[in-house]
Amino acid sequence: MSYSRMDRGPSPPRLVAVLDMGASAIRLVIAEIGPKQALRIVDEASRGVLLGRDTFSTGVIRSETMDASLAAVLGFRQLIDEYGIKDIRAVATSAVREARNAEMFLDRIRRRTGIAFEIINEAEESRLILLAVRNAVGNQPSFKGAWTLLAEVGGGSTDLTLLRRGEAKISGVYALGAVRLRQQLDLRRHSHELQLGLLKRYVANVIEEIRGEIPLRRVTHMIALGGDVRFAAAQLIEQGLAGSDRDLPRAEFLAFCDQVERLDEEALVERFRLSSVDAQTFVPAMLIYRALFAETAARRLVVADASLRAGVALDFAEPGGRLGAADFEQQVLASADALGQKYRFDGAHGLHVAELATSLFDQLREEHGLGDRERLLLRVAALLHDIGTYVNLRAHHKHSQYLLASSQIFGLSDTETAIVGNIARYHRRGLPQTSHLPYIALDRLDRLIVDKLSAILRLANALDAEHLGKVRSAQLSRGAETWVLELECTGDVTMELQAAQARMDFFTQIFGRQVIVRLAGVGV
């Protein structure tokens, strides 16, 4: 299969390798990135390892499973070396993410194979999946529909992203996976009928939770990805009930789910020639897809030939890095806005502070030396700096920090989310201190980013002290020793001027200049 990319200029072809460590298997994709950032899958391999069986039942990865994982990765390492590949990215998801001994496990893999697996958070997982789906079906009406739900049911979790005409609005990863369900419900102990009852009840409970975050009833189109649903599509195509484009009619797909749920593992192996592992996960996965699809108003289910691995491989083809794509900036901001609405933030104030902050950032580029990635982090922090008022107005800057630390923002890594939380933490009151644990937990360069961006945010927030948007713009003129901040305003800005002078201390400390604040047209 191949995935086309936008023309960003010629580049020599190169091979990359992507490994994905999931709940039921470790998988490898070798891809070639050619001219015009075209990406072609060269080779694929998979090794079944039930990491989720350990994590979801005991919370740790057993030594036997570690040995099996190591053997799989050693085999993949040999194949990678045969291709002479130097560019490798390896990611691990929920089964490793939730294991108490994850760091020890991955350290053993790294020392023996030289491959360092990165545990990605839920938001990064959603971003990479969207990247793959957009390449696979991005030109189809289903992707650009009024409200489109992307769904991938994995062994450990279900990844959902709600699109509004192709742009991500809400995303979430839910503890609803085929391997997880089998382990947590201890299904082997029960008859097939009782297993079905337990599974349906559990799925219904999680769907109820999802409804509170994602308006499933609004969904007009649904796109599914994952091995189980691809297998289901192949069966419907073989039976002549769907076209070769994997566009499954609603009634036929729901009827197929009804048929397979009546089959136990032995019957699934006999009828579909599934492996034992695949037979164990097939029915739970189809129950989840069925429950989600039934909640929507979608008439057809589109099954995309896309995967997390394809998304990671496509990420290699993005010259500007993870946040280099401009369209993803808007999706990060949409996710931040959704988080703000969850905590009933003052959206108009957050947006105005964000505009002022990014304007100051742009005017100070020569001084701070930061780039577009940091600009986006500042904008997110500015939008969300006051969400802590949802907990309590008193010390709300601290509440904002820990709410952000425990949240997921589409497209941001855990480290980036921690940076955003720290920037928001210092928008008022105390300055960064080495005694502040969330701050000191960052590495030195990230602490420096927090210092620079929080100094800008403190000033921008002060310029909207009354939350009325009276300061329309702030222009900074830099002299040899003193800078002048000239404000275009409407109305009485006495409060804003006082707040700006009071919060200028950190700005002066960081940028090394005294700043005079004045109104436009008024002499110094």
Protein backbone atom coordinates (compact mmCIF):
# COMPACT_ATOMS: atom_id res chain seq x y z
CA MET A 1 0.00 0.00 0.00
CA SER A 2 1.16 3.59 -0.49
CA TYR A 3 0.36 6.93 1.08
CA SER A 4 0.78 10.18 -0.86
CA ARG A 5 2.04 13.38 0.80
CA MET A 6 1.91 17.04 -0.09
CA ASP A 7 4.73 18.35 -2.27
CA ARG A 8 7.22 19.97 0.11
CA GLY A 9 10.18 19.82 -2.24
CA PRO A 10 12.39 16.98 -3.49
CA SER A 11 14.33 14.84 -1.04
CA PRO A 12 16.37 11.67 -1.54
CA PRO A 13 14.55 8.41 -0.79
CA ARG A 14 15.27 6.88 2.61
CA LEU A 15 14.12 3.85 4.52
CA VAL A 16 12.58 4.15 7.98
CA ALA A 17 11.46 1.52 10.47
CA VAL A 18 8.53 1.83 12.87
CA LEU A 19 7.77 -0.54 15.72
CA ASP A 20 4.48 -0.55 17.62
CA MET A 21 4.23 -2.41 20.93
CA GLY A 22 0.53 -2.99 21.62
CA ALA A 23 -1.55 -5.09 23.98
CA SER A 24 -1.66 -8.22 21.84
CA ALA A 25 1.28 -7.93 19.44
CA ILE A 26 4.51 -6.17 18.53
CA ARG A 27 4.51 -5.01 14.92
CA LEU A 28 7.08 -3.66 12.49
CA VAL A 29 6.67 -1.55 9.38
CA ILE A 30 9.52 -0.71 7.02
CA ALA A 31 8.71 2.16 4.69
CA GLU A 32 10.43 4.20 2.01
CA ILE A 33 10.05 7.97 1.99
CA GLY A 34 10.62 9.15 -1.54
CA PRO A 35 10.39 12.35 -3.58
CA LYS A 36 7.51 14.68 -2.70
CA GLN A 37 7.37 12.92 0.68
CA ALA A 38 5.61 9.90 -0.86
CA LEU A 39 5.62 7.00 1.56
CA ARG A 40 5.60 3.37 0.42
CA ILE A 41 5.32 0.37 2.72
CA VAL A 42 8.21 -1.96 1.87
CA ASP A 43 7.82 -4.70 4.47
CA GLU A 44 5.69 -5.58 7.48
CA ALA A 45 6.01 -8.12 10.28
CA SER A 46 4.06 -8.98 13.41
CA ARG A 47 4.65 -11.14 16.46
CA GLY A 48 1.82 -11.99 18.85
CA VAL A 49 2.78 -11.12 22.44
CA LEU A 50 -0.02 -10.70 24.98
CA LEU A 51 1.43 -7.85 27.01
CA GLY A 52 -2.08 -6.74 27.88
CA ARG A 53 -2.87 -10.10 29.46
CA ASP A 54 -0.29 -9.30 32.13
CA THR A 55 -0.83 -5.58 32.60
CA PHE A 56 -4.62 -5.62 32.68
CA SER A 57 -4.80 -8.47 35.18
CA THR A 58 -1.78 -7.97 37.49
CA GLY A 59 -0.44 -4.50 36.65
CA VAL A 60 3.03 -5.80 35.78
CA ILE A 61 4.67 -7.49 32.81
CA ARG A 62 5.79 -11.01 33.73
CA SER A 63 9.30 -12.29 33.02
CA GLU A 64 7.98 -14.82 30.47
CA THR A 65 6.25 -12.04 28.54
CA MET A 66 9.41 -9.93 28.74
CA ASP A 67 11.37 -12.81 27.19
CA ALA A 68 8.83 -13.19 24.39
CA SER A 69 8.88 -9.43 23.72
CA LEU A 70 12.67 -9.37 23.66
CA ALA A 71 12.78 -12.28 21.22
CA ALA A 72 10.32 -10.47 18.94
CA VAL A 73 12.26 -7.20 18.97
CA LEU A 74 15.59 -9.00 18.41
CA GLY A 75 14.07 -10.61 15.32
CA PHE A 76 12.84 -7.25 14.09
CA ARG A 77 16.26 -5.71 14.81
CA GLN A 78 17.87 -8.29 12.53
CA LEU A 79 15.44 -7.46 9.73
CA ILE A 80 16.02 -3.73 10.20
CA ASP A 81 19.79 -4.26 10.02
CA GLU A 82 19.43 -6.35 6.87
CA TYR A 83 17.77 -3.35 5.25
CA GLY A 84 20.53 -1.07 6.57
CA ILE A 85 18.03 1.25 8.23
CA LYS A 86 19.25 3.94 10.63
CA ASP A 87 16.01 5.90 11.16
CA ILE A 88 13.97 3.96 13.73
CA ARG A 89 11.06 5.02 15.87
CA ALA A 90 9.49 2.63 18.34
CA VAL A 91 6.33 3.41 20.32
CA ALA A 92 4.47 1.63 23.09
CA THR A 93 0.83 2.18 24.05
CA SER A 94 -1.58 1.26 26.84
CA ALA A 95 -0.29 -2.19 27.85
CA VAL A 96 3.18 -0.77 28.54
CA ARG A 97 1.96 2.67 29.59
CA GLU A 98 -0.03 1.18 32.47
CA ALA A 99 2.51 -1.41 33.64
CA ARG A 100 4.22 -0.62 36.95
CA ASN A 101 7.49 -2.12 35.70
CA ALA A 102 7.37 -0.44 32.28
CA GLU A 103 10.66 1.46 32.66
CA MET A 104 12.59 -1.64 33.68
CA PHE A 105 11.03 -3.64 30.86
CA LEU A 106 11.86 -1.05 28.19
CA ASP A 107 15.36 -0.58 29.58
CA ARG A 108 15.98 -4.30 29.12
CA ILE A 109 14.71 -4.10 25.53
CA ARG A 110 16.93 -1.08 24.83
CA ARG A 111 20.09 -2.61 26.31
CA ARG A 112 19.71 -5.88 24.40
CA THR A 113 18.51 -4.51 21.04
CA GLY A 114 19.58 -0.87 20.89
CA ILE A 115 15.98 0.11 20.18
CA ALA A 116 14.48 2.66 22.59
CA PHE A 117 10.69 2.43 22.80
CA GLU A 118 8.86 5.65 23.57
CA ILE A 119 5.71 5.40 25.69
CA ILE A 120 3.30 7.75 23.92
CA ASN A 121 0.35 9.31 25.70
CA GLU A 122 -3.25 9.10 24.57
CA ALA A 123 -3.23 12.49 22.84
CA GLU A 124 -0.16 11.61 20.77
CA GLU A 125 -1.73 8.26 19.89
CA SER A 126 -4.85 10.07 18.62
CA ARG A 127 -2.76 12.51 16.57
CA LEU A 128 -0.79 9.76 14.85
CA ILE A 129 -3.92 7.77 14.07
CA LEU A 130 -5.58 10.84 12.58
CA LEU A 131 -2.47 11.45 10.47
CA ALA A 132 -2.74 7.91 9.05
CA VAL A 133 -6.49 8.08 8.43
CA ARG A 134 -6.22 11.47 6.77
CA ASN A 135 -3.70 10.03 4.31
CA ALA A 136 -5.76 6.91 3.67
CA VAL A 137 -9.22 8.44 3.19
CA GLY A 138 -8.71 12.19 3.58
CA ASN A 139 -10.25 12.97 0.19
CA GLN A 140 -13.39 10.94 0.78
CA PRO A 141 -16.70 12.57 1.78
CA SER A 142 -16.77 10.44 4.92
CA PHE A 143 -13.65 12.17 6.24
CA LYS A 144 -14.91 15.67 5.49
CA GLY A 145 -18.47 15.05 6.66
CA ALA A 146 -20.44 17.31 8.98
CA TRP A 147 -19.48 15.19 12.00
CA THR A 148 -17.18 12.20 11.52
CA LEU A 149 -16.14 9.74 14.22
CA LEU A 150 -12.79 7.96 13.86
CA ALA A 151 -12.65 4.77 15.92
CA GLU A 152 -9.91 2.24 16.51
CA VAL A 153 -10.52 -0.62 18.94
CA GLY A 154 -7.23 -2.07 20.10
CA GLY A 155 -6.25 -4.67 22.63
CA GLY A 156 -6.00 -2.22 25.50
CA SER A 157 -8.08 0.80 24.54
CA THR A 158 -10.44 2.43 22.09
CA ASP A 159 -9.22 5.60 20.39
CA LEU A 160 -11.94 8.05 19.31
CA THR A 161 -11.62 11.36 17.48
CA LEU A 162 -14.56 13.53 16.46
CA LEU A 163 -13.98 15.54 13.28
CA ARG A 164 -15.91 18.56 12.10
CA ARG A 165 -15.46 18.71 8.33
CA GLY A 166 -12.06 17.09 8.55
CA GLU A 167 -10.76 19.01 11.57
CA ALA A 168 -10.32 17.30 14.94
CA LYS A 169 -12.56 18.77 17.63
CA ILE A 170 -12.59 16.20 20.43
CA SER A 171 -10.42 13.15 21.01
CA GLY A 172 -10.14 10.59 23.74
CA VAL A 173 -8.68 7.18 24.50
CA TYR A 174 -10.90 4.95 26.62
CA ALA A 175 -10.13 1.84 28.67
CA LEU A 176 -12.16 -0.30 26.32
CA GLY A 177 -10.00 -2.88 24.56
CA ALA A 178 -10.54 -6.49 23.55
CA VAL A 179 -7.65 -7.92 25.63
CA ARG A 180 -8.43 -5.63 28.57
CA LEU A 181 -12.06 -6.80 28.67
CA ARG A 182 -11.11 -10.46 28.66
CA GLN A 183 -8.66 -9.98 31.52
CA GLN A 184 -10.65 -7.63 33.71
CA LEU A 185 -13.87 -9.63 33.37
CA ASP A 186 -12.04 -12.97 33.67
CA LEU A 187 -14.14 -14.32 30.81
CA ARG A 188 -12.55 -17.77 30.66
CA ARG A 189 -14.40 -18.76 33.81
CA HIS A 190 -17.85 -18.30 32.24
CA SER A 191 -20.02 -19.80 29.55
CA HIS A 192 -20.24 -18.02 26.20
CA GLU A 193 -23.72 -16.66 27.01
CA LEU A 194 -22.57 -15.20 30.32
CA GLN A 195 -19.45 -13.79 28.65
CA LEU A 196 -21.67 -11.94 26.17
CA GLY A 197 -23.81 -10.52 28.95
CA LEU A 198 -20.80 -9.27 30.91
CA LEU A 199 -19.18 -7.80 27.82
CA LYS A 200 -22.32 -5.94 26.70
CA ARG A 201 -22.92 -4.52 30.16
CA TYR A 202 -19.32 -3.32 30.48
CA VAL A 203 -19.31 -1.80 26.97
CA ALA A 204 -22.63 -0.05 27.64
CA ASN A 205 -21.23 1.54 30.79
CA VAL A 206 -18.18 2.92 28.97
CA ILE A 207 -20.34 4.13 26.06
CA GLU A 208 -22.38 6.08 28.62
CA GLU A 209 -19.14 7.74 29.77
CA ILE A 210 -18.16 8.50 26.17
CA ARG A 211 -21.55 10.13 25.51
CA GLY A 212 -20.74 12.69 28.20
CA GLU A 213 -17.65 13.81 26.27
CA ILE A 214 -18.42 13.11 22.60
CA PRO A 215 -21.87 13.86 21.10
CA LEU A 216 -22.24 10.48 19.37
CA ARG A 217 -25.80 11.20 18.24
CA ARG A 218 -24.52 14.04 16.05
CA VAL A 219 -22.18 11.76 14.11
CA THR A 220 -23.10 11.57 10.43
CA HIS A 221 -20.13 9.49 9.25
CA MET A 222 -17.96 6.88 10.93
CA ILE A 223 -14.52 5.62 9.95
CA ALA A 224 -13.11 2.53 11.65
CA LEU A 225 -9.61 1.11 11.63
CA GLY A 226 -7.97 -1.88 13.22
CA GLY A 227 -7.30 -5.50 12.34
CA ASP A 228 -10.60 -6.87 13.63
CA VAL A 229 -12.81 -4.48 11.67
CA ARG A 230 -10.67 -4.96 8.54
CA PHE A 231 -11.25 -8.69 8.86
CA ALA A 232 -15.00 -8.10 9.25
CA ALA A 233 -14.98 -5.94 6.11
CA ALA A 234 -13.17 -8.67 4.18
CA GLN A 235 -15.87 -11.18 5.18
CA LEU A 236 -18.71 -8.88 4.07
CA ILE A 237 -16.97 -8.21 0.76
CA GLU A 238 -16.47 -11.95 0.24
CA GLN A 239 -20.17 -12.51 0.89
CA GLY A 240 -21.10 -9.81 -1.64
CA LEU A 241 -22.65 -7.61 1.06
CA ALA A 242 -20.20 -4.70 0.62
CA GLY A 243 -18.14 -3.15 -2.14
CA SER A 244 -14.41 -3.65 -2.53
CA ASP A 245 -13.83 -0.11 -1.16
CA ARG A 246 -14.66 -1.31 2.39
CA ASP A 247 -17.69 0.95 2.59
CA LEU A 248 -20.01 -1.19 4.71
CA PRO A 249 -23.79 -0.59 4.70
CA ARG A 250 -25.22 -0.04 8.19
CA ALA A 251 -27.71 -2.90 8.24
CA GLU A 252 -25.26 -5.44 6.85
CA PHE A 253 -22.51 -4.53 9.31
CA LEU A 254 -24.81 -4.63 12.34
CA ALA A 255 -26.24 -7.96 11.18
CA PHE A 256 -22.73 -9.41 10.81
CA CYS A 257 -21.90 -8.32 14.38
CA ASP A 258 -25.09 -10.02 15.58
CA GLN A 259 -24.05 -13.25 13.83
CA VAL A 260 -20.48 -13.43 15.12
CA GLU A 261 -21.38 -12.66 18.73
CA ARG A 262 -23.15 -16.02 18.88
CA LEU A 263 -19.95 -17.89 18.01
CA ASP A 264 -17.56 -19.05 20.71
CA GLU A 265 -13.78 -19.24 20.16
CA GLU A 266 -13.81 -22.75 18.72
CA ALA A 267 -16.56 -21.84 16.27
CA LEU A 268 -14.69 -18.70 15.20
CA VAL A 269 -11.50 -20.68 14.56
CA GLU A 270 -13.42 -23.28 12.56
CA ARG A 271 -15.55 -20.86 10.54
CA PHE A 272 -13.05 -18.07 9.82
CA ARG A 273 -9.72 -19.89 10.25
CA LEU A 274 -8.66 -17.38 12.88
CA SER A 275 -5.72 -17.97 15.18
CA SER A 276 -6.49 -18.68 18.82
CA VAL A 277 -5.37 -15.19 19.87
CA ASP A 278 -7.44 -13.50 17.16
CA ALA A 279 -10.46 -15.60 18.06
CA GLN A 280 -10.23 -14.42 21.68
CA THR A 281 -10.32 -10.73 20.75
CA PHE A 282 -12.62 -10.74 17.72
CA VAL A 283 -16.02 -10.81 19.44
CA PRO A 284 -15.16 -8.21 22.14
CA ALA A 285 -13.80 -5.88 19.45
CA MET A 286 -16.87 -6.27 17.24
CA LEU A 287 -19.18 -5.62 20.21
CA ILE A 288 -17.40 -2.32 20.80
CA TYR A 289 -17.52 -1.28 17.14
CA ARG A 290 -21.19 -2.28 16.98
CA ALA A 291 -22.10 -0.31 20.12
CA LEU A 292 -20.35 2.81 18.87
CA PHE A 293 -21.79 2.57 15.35
CA ALA A 294 -25.31 2.00 16.67
CA GLU A 295 -25.06 5.26 18.67
CA THR A 296 -24.44 7.32 15.53
CA ALA A 297 -26.64 8.40 12.65
CA ALA A 298 -24.08 7.16 10.10
CA ARG A 299 -25.56 5.14 7.25
CA ARG A 300 -22.33 3.38 6.35
CA LEU A 301 -19.14 2.32 8.10
CA VAL A 302 -15.96 3.16 6.19
CA VAL A 303 -13.05 0.88 7.08
CA ALA A 304 -9.71 2.63 6.52
CA ASP A 305 -6.48 0.87 5.62
CA ALA A 306 -4.57 2.88 8.24
CA SER A 307 -2.79 2.22 11.51
CA LEU A 308 -0.79 3.83 14.28
CA ARG A 309 2.35 2.51 12.58
CA ALA A 310 1.42 4.25 9.33
CA GLY A 311 0.91 7.47 11.28
CA VAL A 312 4.35 7.20 12.86
CA ALA A 313 5.90 6.47 9.48
CA LEU A 314 4.13 9.47 7.97
CA ASP A 315 5.48 11.56 10.81
CA PHE A 316 8.99 10.78 9.51
CA ALA A 317 7.95 12.39 6.22
CA GLU A 318 6.99 15.69 7.88
CA PRO A 319 10.08 17.92 7.49
CA GLY A 320 9.02 20.36 10.21
CA GLY A 321 8.70 17.66 12.87
CA ARG A 322 5.64 16.72 14.89
CA LEU A 323 4.24 20.23 15.12
CA GLY A 324 5.48 21.34 11.73
CA ALA A 325 2.13 20.84 10.00
CA ALA A 326 0.08 24.04 10.24
CA ASP A 327 -3.24 22.21 10.16
CA PHE A 328 -2.36 20.34 13.34
CA GLU A 329 -1.92 23.64 15.16
CA GLN A 330 -5.60 24.34 14.66
CA GLN A 331 -6.47 20.88 15.92
CA VAL A 332 -4.31 21.32 19.03
CA LEU A 333 -6.11 24.60 19.71
CA ALA A 334 -9.52 23.01 19.13
CA SER A 335 -8.64 20.33 21.69
CA ALA A 336 -7.49 23.02 24.13
CA ASP A 337 -10.75 24.88 23.62
CA ALA A 338 -12.73 21.70 24.32
CA LEU A 339 -10.75 21.23 27.55
CA GLY A 340 -11.45 24.83 28.51
CA GLN A 341 -15.18 24.36 27.93
CA LYS A 342 -15.09 21.26 30.13
CA TYR A 343 -13.86 23.46 32.98
CA ARG A 344 -16.19 26.35 32.07
CA PHE A 345 -13.41 28.79 31.30
CA ASP A 346 -13.83 32.39 30.21
CA GLY A 347 -13.16 31.69 26.56
CA ALA A 348 -13.24 35.32 25.41
CA HIS A 349 -10.64 36.31 28.02
CA GLY A 350 -8.44 33.29 27.22
CA LEU A 351 -8.56 34.04 23.50
CA HIS A 352 -7.76 37.74 24.01
CA VAL A 353 -4.82 36.96 26.29
CA ALA A 354 -3.61 34.41 23.74
CA GLU A 355 -3.68 37.04 20.98
CA LEU A 356 -1.76 39.53 23.11
CA ALA A 357 0.74 36.90 24.24
CA THR A 358 1.51 35.60 20.75
CA SER A 359 1.84 39.18 19.46
CA LEU A 360 4.45 39.87 22.14
CA PHE A 361 6.12 36.53 21.36
CA ASP A 362 6.42 37.49 17.68
CA GLN A 363 7.85 40.91 18.51
CA LEU A 364 10.43 39.33 20.83
CA ARG A 365 11.67 36.52 18.58
CA GLU A 366 15.19 37.95 18.37
CA GLU A 367 15.32 38.15 22.17
CA HIS A 368 13.94 34.75 23.21
CA GLY A 369 15.17 32.67 20.27
CA LEU A 370 12.19 30.30 20.40
CA GLY A 371 10.24 28.83 17.48
CA ASP A 372 6.76 27.92 16.33
CA ARG A 373 6.53 24.92 18.66
CA GLU A 374 7.00 27.15 21.70
CA ARG A 375 4.62 29.74 20.24
CA LEU A 376 1.90 27.10 20.10
CA LEU A 377 2.60 26.02 23.69
CA LEU A 378 2.30 29.64 24.81
CA ARG A 379 -1.00 30.02 22.98
CA VAL A 380 -2.42 26.89 24.60
CA ALA A 381 -1.27 28.03 28.06
CA ALA A 382 -2.80 31.46 27.48
CA LEU A 383 -6.13 29.98 26.43
CA LEU A 384 -6.27 27.75 29.50
CA HIS A 385 -4.41 29.73 32.17
CA ASP A 386 -7.58 30.36 34.23
CA ILE A 387 -9.20 26.90 34.14
CA GLY A 388 -8.22 26.48 37.79
CA THR A 389 -11.11 28.77 38.75
CA TYR A 390 -13.30 25.71 38.14
CA VAL A 391 -11.82 24.31 41.37
CA ASN A 392 -11.50 27.51 43.38
CA LEU A 393 -10.82 31.17 42.64
CA ARG A 394 -8.30 31.21 45.45
CA ALA A 395 -4.86 30.06 44.21
CA HIS A 396 -6.46 29.19 40.87
CA HIS A 397 -3.08 29.42 39.11
CA LYS A 398 -1.99 26.32 41.05
CA HIS A 399 -5.25 24.54 40.25
CA SER A 400 -4.73 25.36 36.56
CA GLN A 401 -1.33 23.66 36.68
CA TYR A 402 -2.51 20.38 38.13
CA LEU A 403 -5.67 20.25 35.98
CA LEU A 404 -3.48 20.60 32.90
CA ALA A 405 -1.00 18.05 34.25
CA SER A 406 -3.78 15.47 34.48
CA SER A 407 -5.33 16.31 31.10
CA GLN A 408 -4.66 15.27 27.52
CA ILE A 409 -4.47 17.83 24.70
CA PHE A 410 -4.57 16.46 21.18
CA GLY A 411 -1.12 16.58 19.56
CA LEU A 412 0.87 17.40 22.71
CA SER A 413 3.25 14.99 24.37
CA ASP A 414 3.35 14.55 28.14
CA THR A 415 6.39 16.83 28.34
CA GLU A 416 4.71 19.53 26.26
CA THR A 417 1.58 19.32 28.40
CA ALA A 418 3.76 19.68 31.51
CA ILE A 419 5.39 22.78 29.99
CA VAL A 420 1.95 24.27 29.27
CA GLY A 421 0.83 23.56 32.83
CA ASN A 422 3.89 25.30 34.27
CA ILE A 423 3.47 28.33 32.02
CA ALA A 424 -0.14 28.63 33.20
CA ARG A 425 0.97 28.15 36.81
CA TYR A 426 3.07 31.33 36.69
CA HIS A 427 0.62 33.67 34.98
CA ARG A 428 0.14 35.38 38.37
CA ARG A 429 1.50 35.46 41.90
CA GLY A 430 4.79 33.64 42.63
CA LEU A 431 7.62 33.17 40.16
CA PRO A 432 9.24 29.83 39.24
CA GLN A 433 11.22 28.33 42.13
CA THR A 434 13.42 25.25 42.42
CA SER A 435 11.22 24.22 45.36
CA HIS A 436 8.22 23.85 43.01
CA LEU A 437 8.19 20.16 42.11
CA PRO A 438 6.32 20.34 38.74
CA TYR A 439 8.78 23.01 37.61
CA ILE A 440 11.97 21.31 38.76
CA ALA A 441 10.78 18.00 37.22
CA LEU A 442 11.36 19.55 33.78
CA ASP A 443 14.81 19.43 32.26
CA ARG A 444 16.95 22.57 32.15
CA LEU A 445 16.02 23.67 28.62
CA ASP A 446 12.31 23.16 29.23
CA ARG A 447 12.53 25.21 32.45
CA LEU A 448 14.10 27.99 30.40
CA ILE A 449 11.18 27.81 27.96
CA VAL A 450 8.75 28.06 30.89
CA ASP A 451 10.61 31.10 32.24
CA LYS A 452 10.48 32.97 28.94
CA LEU A 453 6.89 32.10 28.05
CA SER A 454 5.43 32.64 31.51
CA ALA A 455 7.07 36.11 31.61
CA ILE A 456 5.22 36.93 28.38
CA LEU A 457 1.97 35.40 29.64
CA ARG A 458 2.09 37.34 32.93
CA LEU A 459 2.29 40.60 31.00
CA ALA A 460 -0.38 39.63 28.45
CA ASN A 461 -2.77 38.52 31.20
CA ALA A 462 -2.22 41.81 33.07
CA LEU A 463 -3.22 43.71 29.93
CA ASP A 464 -6.69 42.15 30.21
CA ALA A 465 -7.03 42.58 33.96
CA GLU A 466 -10.79 43.23 33.84
CA HIS A 467 -11.51 40.57 31.19
CA LEU A 468 -13.09 43.20 28.92
CA GLY A 469 -10.64 43.19 26.00
CA LYS A 470 -9.92 46.91 26.32
CA VAL A 471 -6.28 46.63 25.16
CA ARG A 472 -6.57 46.02 21.45
CA SER A 473 -2.87 45.78 20.70
CA ALA A 474 0.50 46.18 22.38
CA GLN A 475 3.49 47.36 20.35
CA LEU A 476 6.98 47.03 21.81
CA SER A 477 9.72 49.48 20.85
CA ARG A 478 13.19 48.43 21.96
CA GLY A 479 15.83 50.94 22.87
CA ALA A 480 19.38 50.36 24.04
CA GLU A 481 18.49 50.45 27.74
CA THR A 482 14.72 50.98 28.01
CA TRP A 483 11.82 49.51 26.08
CA VAL A 484 8.43 51.13 25.54
CA LEU A 485 5.19 49.14 25.41
CA GLU A 486 2.58 51.25 23.62
CA LEU A 487 -1.06 50.23 24.02
CA GLU A 488 -3.98 50.78 21.64
CA CYS A 489 -7.00 50.85 23.97
CA THR A 490 -10.69 51.58 24.35
CA GLY A 491 -12.21 52.78 27.61
CA ASP A 492 -10.59 53.25 30.98
CA VAL A 493 -7.47 51.06 31.28
CA THR A 494 -6.32 52.16 34.71
CA MET A 495 -6.58 48.60 36.05
CA GLU A 496 -4.64 47.19 33.10
CA LEU A 497 -1.85 49.76 33.45
CA GLN A 498 -1.49 49.07 37.16
CA ALA A 499 -1.51 45.30 36.63
CA ALA A 500 1.07 45.54 33.84
CA GLN A 501 3.47 47.53 36.01
CA ALA A 502 2.94 45.11 38.92
CA ARG A 503 3.66 42.05 36.79
CA MET A 504 6.53 43.51 34.81
CA ASP A 505 9.10 42.24 37.31
CA PHE A 506 9.59 38.80 35.78
CA PHE A 507 9.52 40.18 32.23
CA THR A 508 12.32 42.61 33.15
CA GLN A 509 14.27 39.82 34.86
CA ILE A 510 14.05 37.51 31.85
CA PHE A 511 14.68 40.02 29.05
CA GLY A 512 17.01 42.33 30.96
CA ARG A 513 15.33 45.65 30.16
CA GLN A 514 13.13 48.10 32.01
CA VAL A 515 9.80 48.58 30.22
CA ILE A 516 7.69 51.75 30.21
CA VAL A 517 4.00 51.19 29.52
CA ARG A 518 2.11 54.03 27.89
CA LEU A 519 -1.00 54.68 25.83
CA ALA A 520 -0.65 55.21 22.09
CA GLY A 521 -0.25 58.88 21.22
CA VAL A 522 0.94 59.84 24.69
CA GLY A 523 4.54 61.05 25.08
CA VAL A 524 7.02 59.43 27.43
